[in-house]
Amino acid sequence: MPEYDDELRGVLFPEQEKKSDRHPDFTGKVTVDGVEYRIAAWKRRAKSTDKPFLSLTLSEYEATPVEEIDPEGALEI
């Protein structure tokens, strides 16, 4: 069975811990040229038409090393 090719594919999930309007409504990952990126999306409305749309941002995906994760869910800085 061939391995799944996730190139130019990604996923978005509703953000469960949104703490302010500045935080994204959806987050996920996408793969482009073999590089994983974090994708964030915000629900917006067009000023002129009031039609809904999603505003997207991509940033390089940086996984948090396990040893840096606080058991209470906060990152050590």
C-alpha atoms as a PDB file:
ATOM      1  CA  MET A   1       0.000   0.000   0.000  1.00  0.00           C
ATOM      2  CA  PRO A   2       1.516   3.381  -0.973  1.00  0.00           C
ATOM      3  CA  GLU A   3       2.327   5.912   1.730  1.00  0.00           C
ATOM      4  CA  TYR A   4      -0.138   8.804   2.074  1.00  0.00           C
ATOM      5  CA  ASP A   5       1.126  11.967   0.345  1.00  0.00           C
ATOM      6  CA  ASP A   6       0.194  15.010   2.426  1.00  0.00           C
ATOM      7  CA  GLU A   7       2.035  17.494   0.192  1.00  0.00           C
ATOM      8  CA  LEU A   8      -0.058  20.653  -0.373  1.00  0.00           C
ATOM      9  CA  ARG A   9      -2.645  19.382   2.086  1.00  0.00           C
ATOM     10  CA  GLY A  10      -3.581  20.534   5.550  1.00  0.00           C
ATOM     11  CA  VAL A  11      -6.169  20.536   8.285  1.00  0.00           C
ATOM     12  CA  LEU A  12      -7.939  23.175  10.361  1.00  0.00           C
ATOM     13  CA  PHE A  13      -9.639  22.554  13.680  1.00  0.00           C
ATOM     14  CA  PRO A  14     -11.829  24.911  15.710  1.00  0.00           C
ATOM     15  CA  GLU A  15      -9.741  26.529  18.445  1.00  0.00           C
ATOM     16  CA  GLN A  16     -10.995  25.185  21.769  1.00  0.00           C
ATOM     17  CA  GLU A  17      -9.095  27.589  24.033  1.00  0.00           C
ATOM     18  CA  LYS A  18      -9.662  30.954  22.356  1.00  0.00           C
ATOM     19  CA  LYS A  19      -9.044  33.522  25.101  1.00  0.00           C
ATOM     20  CA  SER A  20      -9.465  36.780  23.149  1.00  0.00           C
ATOM     21  CA  ASP A  21     -10.729  38.095  19.801  1.00  0.00           C
ATOM     22  CA  ARG A  22      -7.115  38.327  18.645  1.00  0.00           C
ATOM     23  CA  HIS A  23      -6.628  34.571  18.937  1.00  0.00           C
ATOM     24  CA  PRO A  24      -7.482  32.500  15.835  1.00  0.00           C
ATOM     25  CA  ASP A  25     -10.837  30.757  15.447  1.00  0.00           C
ATOM     26  CA  PHE A  26      -9.168  27.760  13.766  1.00  0.00           C
ATOM     27  CA  THR A  27      -5.636  26.302  13.858  1.00  0.00           C
ATOM     28  CA  GLY A  28      -3.907  23.423  12.129  1.00  0.00           C
ATOM     29  CA  LYS A  29      -1.009  22.332   9.925  1.00  0.00           C
ATOM     30  CA  VAL A  30      -0.276  22.338   6.198  1.00  0.00           C
ATOM     31  CA  THR A  31       2.663  20.839   4.257  1.00  0.00           C
ATOM     32  CA  VAL A  32       4.292  22.777   1.380  1.00  0.00           C
ATOM     33  CA  ASP A  33       7.461  21.531  -0.376  1.00  0.00           C
ATOM     34  CA  GLY A  34       7.977  19.019   2.425  1.00  0.00           C
ATOM     35  CA  VAL A  35       7.928  21.744   5.115  1.00  0.00           C
ATOM     36  CA  GLU A  36       5.223  21.749   7.798  1.00  0.00           C
ATOM     37  CA  TYR A  37       3.588  25.099   8.538  1.00  0.00           C
ATOM     38  CA  ARG A  38       1.158  26.154  11.242  1.00  0.00           C
ATOM     39  CA  ILE A  39      -1.989  27.655   9.776  1.00  0.00           C
ATOM     40  CA  ALA A  40      -4.276  29.986  11.723  1.00  0.00           C
ATOM     41  CA  ALA A  41      -7.638  31.324  10.548  1.00  0.00           C
ATOM     42  CA  TRP A  42      -9.949  34.057  11.788  1.00  0.00           C
ATOM     43  CA  LYS A  43     -13.628  34.460  10.912  1.00  0.00           C
ATOM     44  CA  ARG A  44     -14.159  37.929   9.416  1.00  0.00           C
ATOM     45  CA  ARG A  45     -16.807  39.914   7.524  1.00  0.00           C
ATOM     46  CA  ALA A  46     -16.160  42.054   4.448  1.00  0.00           C
ATOM     47  CA  LYS A  47     -16.731  45.740   5.196  1.00  0.00           C
ATOM     48  CA  SER A  48     -18.444  46.539   1.897  1.00  0.00           C
ATOM     49  CA  THR A  49     -20.667  43.455   1.530  1.00  0.00           C
ATOM     50  CA  ASP A  50     -20.803  41.981   5.043  1.00  0.00           C
ATOM     51  CA  LYS A  51     -20.054  38.556   3.498  1.00  0.00           C
ATOM     52  CA  PRO A  52     -18.185  36.123   5.773  1.00  0.00           C
ATOM     53  CA  PHE A  53     -14.661  35.004   4.900  1.00  0.00           C
ATOM     54  CA  LEU A  54     -11.600  33.462   6.578  1.00  0.00           C
ATOM     55  CA  SER A  55      -8.371  35.404   7.027  1.00  0.00           C
ATOM     56  CA  LEU A  56      -5.330  33.047   7.064  1.00  0.00           C
ATOM     57  CA  THR A  57      -1.774  33.196   8.370  1.00  0.00           C
ATOM     58  CA  LEU A  58       0.984  30.630   7.795  1.00  0.00           C
ATOM     59  CA  SER A  59       4.059  30.378  10.010  1.00  0.00           C
ATOM     60  CA  GLU A  60       6.835  27.811  10.248  1.00  0.00           C
ATOM     61  CA  TYR A  61       5.716  24.974  12.487  1.00  0.00           C
ATOM     62  CA  GLU A  62       7.834  24.634  15.608  1.00  0.00           C
ATOM     63  CA  ALA A  63       6.912  21.705  17.799  1.00  0.00           C
ATOM     64  CA  THR A  64       7.453  22.308  21.512  1.00  0.00           C
ATOM     65  CA  PRO A  65       9.974  19.810  22.880  1.00  0.00           C
ATOM     66  CA  VAL A  66       8.368  17.560  25.502  1.00  0.00           C
ATOM     67  CA  GLU A  67      10.831  18.629  28.202  1.00  0.00           C
ATOM     68  CA  GLU A  68       9.647  22.264  27.867  1.00  0.00           C
ATOM     69  CA  ILE A  69       5.980  21.462  28.530  1.00  0.00           C
ATOM     70  CA  ASP A  70       4.815  22.218  32.063  1.00  0.00           C
ATOM     71  CA  PRO A  71       2.517  19.484  33.440  1.00  0.00           C
ATOM     72  CA  GLU A  72      -0.070  22.173  34.169  1.00  0.00           C
ATOM     73  CA  GLY A  73      -0.170  23.099  30.469  1.00  0.00           C
ATOM     74  CA  ALA A  74       1.910  26.283  30.635  1.00  0.00           C
ATOM     75  CA  LEU A  75       5.226  26.637  28.827  1.00  0.00           C
ATOM     76  CA  GLU A  76       8.377  27.370  30.797  1.00  0.00           C
ATOM     77  CA  ILE A  77      10.004  30.626  29.738  1.00  0.00           C
END
